[in-house]
Amino acid sequence: LAVFFPETTEEMARLIATHREQRIPYRIRARGHSSNGLVL
């Protein structure tokens, strides 16, 4: 439902902190080459 595209470490840090505070689960992905449920 929600996808974020950070460009800097600072933006990534804000995203991680916000998701932690709001208790929202997240997945990290780039090109999606995993097939073990790591990026979905």
PDB file of all heavy atoms in Angstrom:
ATOM      1  N   LEU A   1       0.824  -1.198   0.000  1.00  0.00           N
ATOM      2  CA  LEU A   1       0.000   0.000   0.000  1.00  0.00           C
ATOM      3  C   LEU A   1       0.864   1.256   0.000  1.00  0.00           C
ATOM      4  O   LEU A   1       0.511   2.271  -0.594  1.00  0.00           O
ATOM      5  CB  LEU A   1      -0.928   0.010   1.220  1.00  0.00           C
ATOM      6  CG  LEU A   1      -1.908   1.179   1.345  1.00  0.00           C
ATOM      7  CD1 LEU A   1      -2.871   1.187   0.159  1.00  0.00           C
ATOM      8  CD2 LEU A   1      -2.683   1.077   2.660  1.00  0.00           C
ATOM      9  N   ALA A   2       2.018   1.161   0.660  1.00  0.00           N
ATOM     10  CA  ALA A   2       2.907   2.324   0.765  1.00  0.00           C
ATOM     11  C   ALA A   2       4.316   1.932   0.350  1.00  0.00           C
ATOM     12  O   ALA A   2       4.853   0.908   0.807  1.00  0.00           O
ATOM     13  CB  ALA A   2       2.920   2.863   2.188  1.00  0.00           C
ATOM     14  N   VAL A   3       4.927   2.733  -0.512  1.00  0.00           N
ATOM     15  CA  VAL A   3       6.301   2.514  -0.966  1.00  0.00           C
ATOM     16  C   VAL A   3       7.077   3.817  -0.794  1.00  0.00           C
ATOM     17  O   VAL A   3       6.580   4.896  -1.157  1.00  0.00           O
ATOM     18  CB  VAL A   3       6.352   2.083  -2.450  1.00  0.00           C
ATOM     19  CG1 VAL A   3       7.785   1.786  -2.866  1.00  0.00           C
ATOM     20  CG2 VAL A   3       5.467   0.877  -2.696  1.00  0.00           C
ATOM     21  N   PHE A   4       8.273   3.726  -0.233  1.00  0.00           N
ATOM     22  CA  PHE A   4       9.110   4.893  -0.014  1.00  0.00           C
ATOM     23  C   PHE A   4      10.410   4.741  -0.799  1.00  0.00           C
ATOM     24  O   PHE A   4      10.951   3.635  -0.919  1.00  0.00           O
ATOM     25  CB  PHE A   4       9.432   5.051   1.478  1.00  0.00           C
ATOM     26  CG  PHE A   4       8.221   5.272   2.336  1.00  0.00           C
ATOM     27  CD1 PHE A   4       7.498   4.191   2.849  1.00  0.00           C
ATOM     28  CD2 PHE A   4       7.772   6.552   2.618  1.00  0.00           C
ATOM     29  CE1 PHE A   4       6.377   4.379   3.635  1.00  0.00           C
ATOM     30  CE2 PHE A   4       6.652   6.761   3.401  1.00  0.00           C
ATOM     31  CZ  PHE A   4       5.947   5.676   3.916  1.00  0.00           C
ATOM     32  N   PHE A   5      10.896   5.867  -1.321  1.00  0.00           N
ATOM     33  CA  PHE A   5      12.120   5.866  -2.121  1.00  0.00           C
ATOM     34  C   PHE A   5      13.131   6.858  -1.532  1.00  0.00           C
ATOM     35  O   PHE A   5      13.317   7.948  -2.062  1.00  0.00           O
ATOM     36  CB  PHE A   5      11.809   6.248  -3.575  1.00  0.00           C
ATOM     37  CG  PHE A   5      10.986   5.237  -4.317  1.00  0.00           C
ATOM     38  CD1 PHE A   5       9.604   5.355  -4.376  1.00  0.00           C
ATOM     39  CD2 PHE A   5      11.584   4.156  -4.944  1.00  0.00           C
ATOM     40  CE1 PHE A   5       8.834   4.436  -5.063  1.00  0.00           C
ATOM     41  CE2 PHE A   5      10.814   3.222  -5.638  1.00  0.00           C
ATOM     42  CZ  PHE A   5       9.440   3.357  -5.696  1.00  0.00           C
ATOM     43  N   PRO A   6      13.802   6.497  -0.448  1.00  0.00           N
ATOM     44  CA  PRO A   6      14.815   7.406   0.112  1.00  0.00           C
ATOM     45  C   PRO A   6      16.006   7.527  -0.831  1.00  0.00           C
ATOM     46  O   PRO A   6      16.293   6.610  -1.613  1.00  0.00           O
ATOM     47  CB  PRO A   6      15.211   6.722   1.416  1.00  0.00           C
ATOM     48  CG  PRO A   6      14.947   5.266   1.174  1.00  0.00           C
ATOM     49  CD  PRO A   6      13.722   5.229   0.299  1.00  0.00           C
ATOM     50  N   GLU A   7      16.690   8.664  -0.732  1.00  0.00           N
ATOM     51  CA  GLU A   7      17.890   8.886  -1.538  1.00  0.00           C
ATOM     52  C   GLU A   7      19.134   9.082  -0.693  1.00  0.00           C
ATOM     53  O   GLU A   7      20.237   9.058  -1.218  1.00  0.00           O
ATOM     54  CB  GLU A   7      17.681  10.097  -2.456  1.00  0.00           C
ATOM     55  CG  GLU A   7      16.558   9.910  -3.461  1.00  0.00           C
ATOM     56  CD  GLU A   7      16.414  11.094  -4.399  1.00  0.00           C
ATOM     57  OE1 GLU A   7      17.349  11.934  -4.456  1.00  0.00           O
ATOM     58  OE2 GLU A   7      15.379  11.192  -5.089  1.00  0.00           O
ATOM     59  N   THR A   8      18.968   9.295   0.604  1.00  0.00           N
ATOM     60  CA  THR A   8      20.103   9.539   1.484  1.00  0.00           C
ATOM     61  C   THR A   8      19.977   8.704   2.754  1.00  0.00           C
ATOM     62  O   THR A   8      18.889   8.207   3.084  1.00  0.00           O
ATOM     63  CB  THR A   8      20.184  11.024   1.890  1.00  0.00           C
ATOM     64  OG1 THR A   8      19.037  11.346   2.698  1.00  0.00           O
ATOM     65  CG2 THR A   8      20.232  11.932   0.663  1.00  0.00           C
ATOM     66  N   THR A   9      21.083   8.586   3.474  1.00  0.00           N
ATOM     67  CA  THR A   9      21.065   7.888   4.758  1.00  0.00           C
ATOM     68  C   THR A   9      20.132   8.590   5.735  1.00  0.00           C
ATOM     69  O   THR A   9      19.405   7.936   6.501  1.00  0.00           O
ATOM     70  CB  THR A   9      22.484   7.819   5.337  1.00  0.00           C
ATOM     71  OG1 THR A   9      23.314   7.048   4.460  1.00  0.00           O
ATOM     72  CG2 THR A   9      22.490   7.176   6.710  1.00  0.00           C
ATOM     73  N   GLU A  10      20.134   9.917   5.721  1.00  0.00           N
ATOM     74  CA  GLU A  10      19.281  10.675   6.636  1.00  0.00           C
ATOM     75  C   GLU A  10      17.808  10.383   6.377  1.00  0.00           C
ATOM     76  O   GLU A  10      17.014  10.230   7.322  1.00  0.00           O
ATOM     77  CB  GLU A  10      19.564  12.166   6.498  1.00  0.00           C
ATOM     78  CG  GLU A  10      20.943  12.603   6.983  1.00  0.00           C
ATOM     79  CD  GLU A  10      22.084  12.129   6.091  1.00  0.00           C
ATOM     80  OE1 GLU A  10      21.846  11.944   4.857  1.00  0.00           O
ATOM     81  OE2 GLU A  10      23.201  11.915   6.614  1.00  0.00           O
ATOM     82  N   GLU A  11      17.414  10.304   5.111  1.00  0.00           N
ATOM     83  CA  GLU A  11      16.021   9.982   4.786  1.00  0.00           C
ATOM     84  C   GLU A  11      15.682   8.556   5.219  1.00  0.00           C
ATOM     85  O   GLU A  11      14.577   8.304   5.728  1.00  0.00           O
ATOM     86  CB  GLU A  11      15.772  10.163   3.294  1.00  0.00           C
ATOM     87  CG  GLU A  11      15.793  11.622   2.850  1.00  0.00           C
ATOM     88  CD  GLU A  11      15.615  11.795   1.350  1.00  0.00           C
ATOM     89  OE1 GLU A  11      15.709  10.789   0.610  1.00  0.00           O
ATOM     90  OE2 GLU A  11      15.372  12.942   0.935  1.00  0.00           O
ATOM     91  N   MET A  12      16.602   7.643   5.035  1.00  0.00           N
ATOM     92  CA  MET A  12      16.380   6.271   5.483  1.00  0.00           C
ATOM     93  C   MET A  12      16.207   6.239   7.001  1.00  0.00           C
ATOM     94  O   MET A  12      15.315   5.542   7.523  1.00  0.00           O
ATOM     95  CB  MET A  12      17.539   5.378   5.060  1.00  0.00           C
ATOM     96  CG  MET A  12      17.431   3.923   5.534  1.00  0.00           C
ATOM     97  SD  MET A  12      16.077   3.005   4.741  1.00  0.00           S
ATOM     98  CE  MET A  12      16.868   2.624   3.158  1.00  0.00           C
ATOM     99  N   ALA A  13      17.041   6.971   7.720  1.00  0.00           N
ATOM    100  CA  ALA A  13      16.959   6.990   9.182  1.00  0.00           C
ATOM    101  C   ALA A  13      15.605   7.523   9.647  1.00  0.00           C
ATOM    102  O   ALA A  13      15.000   6.990  10.590  1.00  0.00           O
ATOM    103  CB  ALA A  13      18.096   7.836   9.753  1.00  0.00           C
ATOM    104  N   ARG A  14      15.113   8.580   8.995  1.00  0.00           N
ATOM    105  CA  ARG A  14      13.814   9.130   9.377  1.00  0.00           C
ATOM    106  C   ARG A  14      12.700   8.116   9.132  1.00  0.00           C
ATOM    107  O   ARG A  14      11.777   7.965   9.944  1.00  0.00           O
ATOM    108  CB  ARG A  14      13.529  10.414   8.593  1.00  0.00           C
ATOM    109  CG  ARG A  14      14.372  11.599   9.019  1.00  0.00           C
ATOM    110  CD  ARG A  14      13.704  12.922   8.651  1.00  0.00           C
ATOM    111  NE  ARG A  14      13.435  13.038   7.219  1.00  0.00           N
ATOM    112  CZ  ARG A  14      14.286  13.532   6.335  1.00  0.00           C
ATOM    113  NH1 ARG A  14      15.501  13.941   6.739  1.00  0.00           N
ATOM    114  NH2 ARG A  14      13.964  13.635   5.062  1.00  0.00           N
ATOM    115  N   LEU A  15      12.786   7.409   8.006  1.00  0.00           N
ATOM    116  CA  LEU A  15      11.775   6.404   7.696  1.00  0.00           C
ATOM    117  C   LEU A  15      11.776   5.277   8.728  1.00  0.00           C
ATOM    118  O   LEU A  15      10.714   4.852   9.204  1.00  0.00           O
ATOM    119  CB  LEU A  15      12.018   5.828   6.305  1.00  0.00           C
ATOM    120  CG  LEU A  15      11.613   6.687   5.117  1.00  0.00           C
ATOM    121  CD1 LEU A  15      12.113   6.073   3.819  1.00  0.00           C
ATOM    122  CD2 LEU A  15      10.100   6.861   5.074  1.00  0.00           C
ATOM    123  N   ILE A  16      12.954   4.789   9.071  1.00  0.00           N
ATOM    124  CA  ILE A  16      13.047   3.690  10.034  1.00  0.00           C
ATOM    125  C   ILE A  16      12.522   4.139  11.396  1.00  0.00           C
ATOM    126  O   ILE A  16      11.763   3.414  12.060  1.00  0.00           O
ATOM    127  CB  ILE A  16      14.495   3.190  10.155  1.00  0.00           C
ATOM    128  CG1 ILE A  16      14.998   2.648   8.810  1.00  0.00           C
ATOM    129  CG2 ILE A  16      14.602   2.115  11.239  1.00  0.00           C
ATOM    130  CD1 ILE A  16      14.214   1.510   8.254  1.00  0.00           C
ATOM    131  N   ALA A  17      12.912   5.334  11.830  1.00  0.00           N
ATOM    132  CA  ALA A  17      12.457   5.836  13.126  1.00  0.00           C
ATOM    133  C   ALA A  17      10.938   6.007  13.150  1.00  0.00           C
ATOM    134  O   ALA A  17      10.268   5.652  14.127  1.00  0.00           O
ATOM    135  CB  ALA A  17      13.155   7.161  13.442  1.00  0.00           C
ATOM    136  N   THR A  18      10.383   6.550  12.070  1.00  0.00           N
ATOM    137  CA  THR A  18       8.935   6.758  11.997  1.00  0.00           C
ATOM    138  C   THR A  18       8.178   5.440  12.024  1.00  0.00           C
ATOM    139  O   THR A  18       7.167   5.289  12.733  1.00  0.00           O
ATOM    140  CB  THR A  18       8.568   7.546  10.719  1.00  0.00           C
ATOM    141  OG1 THR A  18       9.206   8.820  10.754  1.00  0.00           O
ATOM    142  CG2 THR A  18       7.071   7.727  10.609  1.00  0.00           C
ATOM    143  N   HIS A  19       8.656   4.475  11.260  1.00  0.00           N
ATOM    144  CA  HIS A  19       7.989   3.178  11.249  1.00  0.00           C
ATOM    145  C   HIS A  19       8.061   2.509  12.628  1.00  0.00           C
ATOM    146  O   HIS A  19       7.106   1.838  13.040  1.00  0.00           O
ATOM    147  CB  HIS A  19       8.601   2.274  10.181  1.00  0.00           C
ATOM    148  CG  HIS A  19       8.097   2.539   8.803  1.00  0.00           C
ATOM    149  ND1 HIS A  19       8.466   3.651   8.077  1.00  0.00           N
ATOM    150  CD2 HIS A  19       7.220   1.848   8.015  1.00  0.00           C
ATOM    151  CE1 HIS A  19       7.856   3.626   6.900  1.00  0.00           C
ATOM    152  NE2 HIS A  19       7.099   2.551   6.838  1.00  0.00           N
ATOM    153  N   ARG A  20       9.176   2.700  13.320  1.00  0.00           N
ATOM    154  CA  ARG A  20       9.297   2.120  14.660  1.00  0.00           C
ATOM    155  C   ARG A  20       8.330   2.789  15.623  1.00  0.00           C
ATOM    156  O   ARG A  20       7.645   2.111  16.408  1.00  0.00           O
ATOM    157  CB  ARG A  20      10.740   2.273  15.147  1.00  0.00           C
ATOM    158  CG  ARG A  20      10.997   1.694  16.535  1.00  0.00           C
ATOM    159  CD  ARG A  20      12.484   1.774  16.871  1.00  0.00           C
ATOM    160  NE  ARG A  20      12.774   1.196  18.162  1.00  0.00           N
ATOM    161  CZ  ARG A  20      12.793   1.882  19.306  1.00  0.00           C
ATOM    162  NH1 ARG A  20      12.511   3.190  19.296  1.00  0.00           N
ATOM    163  NH2 ARG A  20      13.073   1.288  20.444  1.00  0.00           N
ATOM    164  N   GLU A  21       8.284   4.114  15.581  1.00  0.00           N
ATOM    165  CA  GLU A  21       7.397   4.844  16.494  1.00  0.00           C
ATOM    166  C   GLU A  21       5.936   4.491  16.262  1.00  0.00           C
ATOM    167  O   GLU A  21       5.150   4.372  17.205  1.00  0.00           O
ATOM    168  CB  GLU A  21       7.608   6.352  16.309  1.00  0.00           C
ATOM    169  CG  GLU A  21       8.962   6.851  16.786  1.00  0.00           C
ATOM    170  CD  GLU A  21       9.259   8.255  16.282  1.00  0.00           C
ATOM    171  OE1 GLU A  21       8.375   8.849  15.622  1.00  0.00           O
ATOM    172  OE2 GLU A  21      10.375   8.760  16.551  1.00  0.00           O
ATOM    173  N   GLN A  22       5.564   4.318  14.992  1.00  0.00           N
ATOM    174  CA  GLN A  22       4.175   4.030  14.660  1.00  0.00           C
ATOM    175  C   GLN A  22       3.886   2.528  14.570  1.00  0.00           C
ATOM    176  O   GLN A  22       2.769   2.129  14.251  1.00  0.00           O
ATOM    177  CB  GLN A  22       3.817   4.716  13.341  1.00  0.00           C
ATOM    178  CG  GLN A  22       3.941   6.238  13.402  1.00  0.00           C
ATOM    179  CD  GLN A  22       3.558   6.901  12.094  1.00  0.00           C
ATOM    180  OE1 GLN A  22       3.075   6.271  11.166  1.00  0.00           O
ATOM    181  NE2 GLN A  22       3.784   8.209  12.028  1.00  0.00           N
ATOM    182  N   ARG A  23       4.898   1.728  14.861  1.00  0.00           N
ATOM    183  CA  ARG A  23       4.768   0.273  14.880  1.00  0.00           C
ATOM    184  C   ARG A  23       4.235  -0.266  13.554  1.00  0.00           C
ATOM    185  O   ARG A  23       3.366  -1.140  13.501  1.00  0.00           O
ATOM    186  CB  ARG A  23       3.879  -0.174  16.040  1.00  0.00           C
ATOM    187  CG  ARG A  23       4.442   0.201  17.403  1.00  0.00           C
ATOM    188  CD  ARG A  23       3.577  -0.310  18.526  1.00  0.00           C
ATOM    189  NE  ARG A  23       4.154   0.046  19.821  1.00  0.00           N
ATOM    190  CZ  ARG A  23       3.608  -0.276  20.999  1.00  0.00           C
ATOM    191  NH1 ARG A  23       2.466  -0.969  21.026  1.00  0.00           N
ATOM    192  NH2 ARG A  23       4.198   0.092  22.123  1.00  0.00           N
ATOM    193  N   ILE A  24       4.787   0.262  12.482  1.00  0.00           N
ATOM    194  CA  ILE A  24       4.427  -0.179  11.143  1.00  0.00           C
ATOM    195  C   ILE A  24       5.526  -1.106  10.625  1.00  0.00           C
ATOM    196  O   ILE A  24       6.695  -0.702  10.554  1.00  0.00           O
ATOM    197  CB  ILE A  24       4.268   1.013  10.181  1.00  0.00           C
ATOM    198  CG1 ILE A  24       3.188   1.973  10.692  1.00  0.00           C
ATOM    199  CG2 ILE A  24       3.930   0.531   8.777  1.00  0.00           C
ATOM    200  CD1 ILE A  24       3.102   3.254   9.893  1.00  0.00           C
ATOM    201  N   PRO A  25       5.200  -2.330  10.261  1.00  0.00           N
ATOM    202  CA  PRO A  25       6.235  -3.220   9.706  1.00  0.00           C
ATOM    203  C   PRO A  25       6.681  -2.727   8.329  1.00  0.00           C
ATOM    204  O   PRO A  25       5.931  -2.056   7.624  1.00  0.00           O
ATOM    205  CB  PRO A  25       5.533  -4.576   9.617  1.00  0.00           C
ATOM    206  CG  PRO A  25       4.075  -4.247   9.552  1.00  0.00           C
ATOM    207  CD  PRO A  25       3.877  -2.984  10.336  1.00  0.00           C
ATOM    208  N   TYR A  26       7.920  -3.069   7.982  1.00  0.00           N
ATOM    209  CA  TYR A  26       8.450  -2.642   6.690  1.00  0.00           C
ATOM    210  C   TYR A  26       9.383  -3.707   6.145  1.00  0.00           C
ATOM    211  O   TYR A  26       9.886  -4.563   6.869  1.00  0.00           O
ATOM    212  CB  TYR A  26       9.180  -1.300   6.805  1.00  0.00           C
ATOM    213  CG  TYR A  26      10.360  -1.311   7.758  1.00  0.00           C
ATOM    214  CD1 TYR A  26      11.633  -1.683   7.325  1.00  0.00           C
ATOM    215  CD2 TYR A  26      10.192  -0.952   9.100  1.00  0.00           C
ATOM    216  CE1 TYR A  26      12.706  -1.701   8.196  1.00  0.00           C
ATOM    217  CE2 TYR A  26      11.258  -0.974   9.970  1.00  0.00           C
ATOM    218  CZ  TYR A  26      12.516  -1.344   9.531  1.00  0.00           C
ATOM    219  OH  TYR A  26      13.574  -1.366  10.395  1.00  0.00           O
ATOM    220  N   ARG A  27       9.611  -3.633   4.833  1.00  0.00           N
ATOM    221  CA  ARG A  27      10.580  -4.491   4.150  1.00  0.00           C
ATOM    222  C   ARG A  27      11.517  -3.592   3.351  1.00  0.00           C
ATOM    223  O   ARG A  27      11.086  -2.587   2.786  1.00  0.00           O
ATOM    224  CB  ARG A  27       9.894  -5.462   3.185  1.00  0.00           C
ATOM    225  CG  ARG A  27       8.996  -6.476   3.852  1.00  0.00           C
ATOM    226  CD  ARG A  27       9.799  -7.597   4.497  1.00  0.00           C
ATOM    227  NE  ARG A  27       8.911  -8.654   4.948  1.00  0.00           N
ATOM    228  CZ  ARG A  27       8.325  -8.690   6.131  1.00  0.00           C
ATOM    229  NH1 ARG A  27       8.498  -7.684   6.978  1.00  0.00           N
ATOM    230  NH2 ARG A  27       7.539  -9.694   6.478  1.00  0.00           N
ATOM    231  N   ILE A  28      12.776  -3.978   3.302  1.00  0.00           N
ATOM    232  CA  ILE A  28      13.781  -3.279   2.503  1.00  0.00           C
ATOM    233  C   ILE A  28      13.973  -4.062   1.211  1.00  0.00           C
ATOM    234  O   ILE A  28      14.154  -5.285   1.233  1.00  0.00           O
ATOM    235  CB  ILE A  28      15.121  -3.159   3.245  1.00  0.00           C
ATOM    236  CG1 ILE A  28      14.918  -2.517   4.619  1.00  0.00           C
ATOM    237  CG2 ILE A  28      16.123  -2.382   2.421  1.00  0.00           C
ATOM    238  CD1 ILE A  28      14.414  -1.093   4.575  1.00  0.00           C
ATOM    239  N   ARG A  29      13.946  -3.371   0.068  1.00  0.00           N
ATOM    240  CA  ARG A  29      14.194  -4.045  -1.189  1.00  0.00           C
ATOM    241  C   ARG A  29      14.889  -3.091  -2.149  1.00  0.00           C
ATOM    242  O   ARG A  29      14.806  -1.869  -2.017  1.00  0.00           O
ATOM    243  CB  ARG A  29      12.906  -4.578  -1.808  1.00  0.00           C
ATOM    244  CG  ARG A  29      11.977  -3.526  -2.381  1.00  0.00           C
ATOM    245  CD  ARG A  29      10.803  -4.159  -3.102  1.00  0.00           C
ATOM    246  NE  ARG A  29      11.155  -4.696  -4.401  1.00  0.00           N
ATOM    247  CZ  ARG A  29      10.547  -5.722  -4.980  1.00  0.00           C
ATOM    248  NH1 ARG A  29       9.569  -6.360  -4.346  1.00  0.00           N
ATOM    249  NH2 ARG A  29      10.911  -6.136  -6.186  1.00  0.00           N
ATOM    250  N   ALA A  30      15.566  -3.691  -3.110  1.00  0.00           N
ATOM    251  CA  ALA A  30      16.140  -2.920  -4.211  1.00  0.00           C
ATOM    252  C   ALA A  30      15.525  -3.453  -5.496  1.00  0.00           C
ATOM    253  O   ALA A  30      14.469  -3.015  -5.922  1.00  0.00           O
ATOM    254  CB  ALA A  30      17.658  -3.031  -4.216  1.00  0.00           C
ATOM    255  N   ARG A  31      16.157  -4.475  -6.108  1.00  0.00           N
ATOM    256  CA  ARG A  31      15.643  -5.029  -7.358  1.00  0.00           C
ATOM    257  C   ARG A  31      14.773  -6.279  -7.149  1.00  0.00           C
ATOM    258  O   ARG A  31      14.233  -6.823  -8.093  1.00  0.00           O
ATOM    259  CB  ARG A  31      16.807  -5.347  -8.295  1.00  0.00           C
ATOM    260  CG  ARG A  31      17.666  -4.126  -8.673  1.00  0.00           C
ATOM    261  CD  ARG A  31      16.850  -3.078  -9.413  1.00  0.00           C
ATOM    262  NE  ARG A  31      17.630  -1.912  -9.793  1.00  0.00           N
ATOM    263  CZ  ARG A  31      18.261  -1.768 -10.947  1.00  0.00           C
ATOM    264  NH1 ARG A  31      18.247  -2.735 -11.839  1.00  0.00           N
ATOM    265  NH2 ARG A  31      18.922  -0.663 -11.222  1.00  0.00           N
ATOM    266  N   GLY A  32      14.666  -6.765  -5.903  1.00  0.00           N
ATOM    267  CA  GLY A  32      13.755  -7.865  -5.616  1.00  0.00           C
ATOM    268  C   GLY A  32      14.212  -9.219  -6.106  1.00  0.00           C
ATOM    269  O   GLY A  32      13.390 -10.000  -6.609  1.00  0.00           O
ATOM    270  N   HIS A  33      15.504  -9.556  -5.937  1.00  0.00           N
ATOM    271  CA  HIS A  33      15.995 -10.837  -6.436  1.00  0.00           C
ATOM    272  C   HIS A  33      15.835 -11.977  -5.443  1.00  0.00           C
ATOM    273  O   HIS A  33      16.156 -13.122  -5.759  1.00  0.00           O
ATOM    274  CB  HIS A  33      17.474 -10.715  -6.833  1.00  0.00           C
ATOM    275  CG  HIS A  33      17.672  -9.942  -8.096  1.00  0.00           C
ATOM    276  ND1 HIS A  33      18.144  -8.659  -8.110  1.00  0.00           N
ATOM    277  CD2 HIS A  33      17.432 -10.270  -9.386  1.00  0.00           C
ATOM    278  CE1 HIS A  33      18.195  -8.223  -9.357  1.00  0.00           C
ATOM    279  NE2 HIS A  33      17.773  -9.173 -10.148  1.00  0.00           N
ATOM    280  N   SER A  34      15.346 -11.699  -4.249  1.00  0.00           N
ATOM    281  CA  SER A  34      15.095 -12.767  -3.286  1.00  0.00           C
ATOM    282  C   SER A  34      13.868 -13.575  -3.692  1.00  0.00           C
ATOM    283  O   SER A  34      12.929 -13.064  -4.292  1.00  0.00           O
ATOM    284  CB  SER A  34      14.863 -12.159  -1.898  1.00  0.00           C
ATOM    285  OG  SER A  34      14.263 -13.104  -1.030  1.00  0.00           O
ATOM    286  N   SER A  35      13.872 -14.850  -3.337  1.00  0.00           N
ATOM    287  CA  SER A  35      12.679 -15.676  -3.515  1.00  0.00           C
ATOM    288  C   SER A  35      12.355 -16.394  -2.211  1.00  0.00           C
ATOM    289  O   SER A  35      11.793 -17.478  -2.202  1.00  0.00           O
ATOM    290  CB  SER A  35      12.892 -16.697  -4.643  1.00  0.00           C
ATOM    291  OG  SER A  35      14.033 -17.500  -4.395  1.00  0.00           O
ATOM    292  N   ASN A  36      12.699 -15.763  -1.083  1.00  0.00           N
ATOM    293  CA  ASN A  36      12.528 -16.386   0.231  1.00  0.00           C
ATOM    294  C   ASN A  36      11.684 -15.524   1.167  1.00  0.00           C
ATOM    295  O   ASN A  36      11.846 -15.574   2.382  1.00  0.00           O
ATOM    296  CB  ASN A  36      13.896 -16.663   0.872  1.00  0.00           C
ATOM    297  CG  ASN A  36      13.848 -17.775   1.900  1.00  0.00           C
ATOM    298  OD1 ASN A  36      12.915 -18.569   1.921  1.00  0.00           O
ATOM    299  ND2 ASN A  36      14.847 -17.849   2.757  1.00  0.00           N
ATOM    300  N   GLY A  37      10.808 -14.702   0.587  1.00  0.00           N
ATOM    301  CA  GLY A  37       9.911 -13.896   1.398  1.00  0.00           C
ATOM    302  C   GLY A  37      10.567 -12.739   2.115  1.00  0.00           C
ATOM    303  O   GLY A  37      10.022 -12.215   3.087  1.00  0.00           O
ATOM    304  N   LEU A  38      11.749 -12.299   1.630  1.00  0.00           N
ATOM    305  CA  LEU A  38      12.491 -11.249   2.331  1.00  0.00           C
ATOM    306  C   LEU A  38      12.038  -9.846   1.955  1.00  0.00           C
ATOM    307  O   LEU A  38      12.242  -8.908   2.729  1.00  0.00           O
ATOM    308  CB  LEU A  38      13.993 -11.381   2.041  1.00  0.00           C
ATOM    309  CG  LEU A  38      14.639 -12.714   2.414  1.00  0.00           C
ATOM    310  CD1 LEU A  38      16.111 -12.702   2.019  1.00  0.00           C
ATOM    311  CD2 LEU A  38      14.489 -12.994   3.901  1.00  0.00           C
ATOM    312  N   VAL A  39      11.441  -9.664   0.786  1.00  0.00           N
ATOM    313  CA  VAL A  39      11.159  -8.311   0.300  1.00  0.00           C
ATOM    314  C   VAL A  39       9.671  -8.057   0.058  1.00  0.00           C
ATOM    315  O   VAL A  39       9.300  -7.002  -0.451  1.00  0.00           O
ATOM    316  CB  VAL A  39      11.945  -8.011  -0.995  1.00  0.00           C
ATOM    317  CG1 VAL A  39      13.439  -8.125  -0.747  1.00  0.00           C
ATOM    318  CG2 VAL A  39      11.518  -8.930  -2.136  1.00  0.00           C
ATOM    319  N   LEU A  40       8.829  -9.008   0.445  1.00  0.00           N
ATOM    320  CA  LEU A  40       7.393  -8.855   0.242  1.00  0.00           C
ATOM    321  C   LEU A  40       6.678  -8.834   1.583  1.00  0.00           C
ATOM    322  O   LEU A  40       7.088  -9.497   2.533  1.00  0.00           O
ATOM    323  CB  LEU A  40       6.835 -10.007  -0.608  1.00  0.00           C
ATOM    324  CG  LEU A  40       7.365 -10.120  -2.033  1.00  0.00           C
ATOM    325  CD1 LEU A  40       6.780 -11.360  -2.698  1.00  0.00           C
ATOM    326  CD2 LEU A  40       7.035  -8.877  -2.843  1.00  0.00           C
TER     327      LEU A  40
END
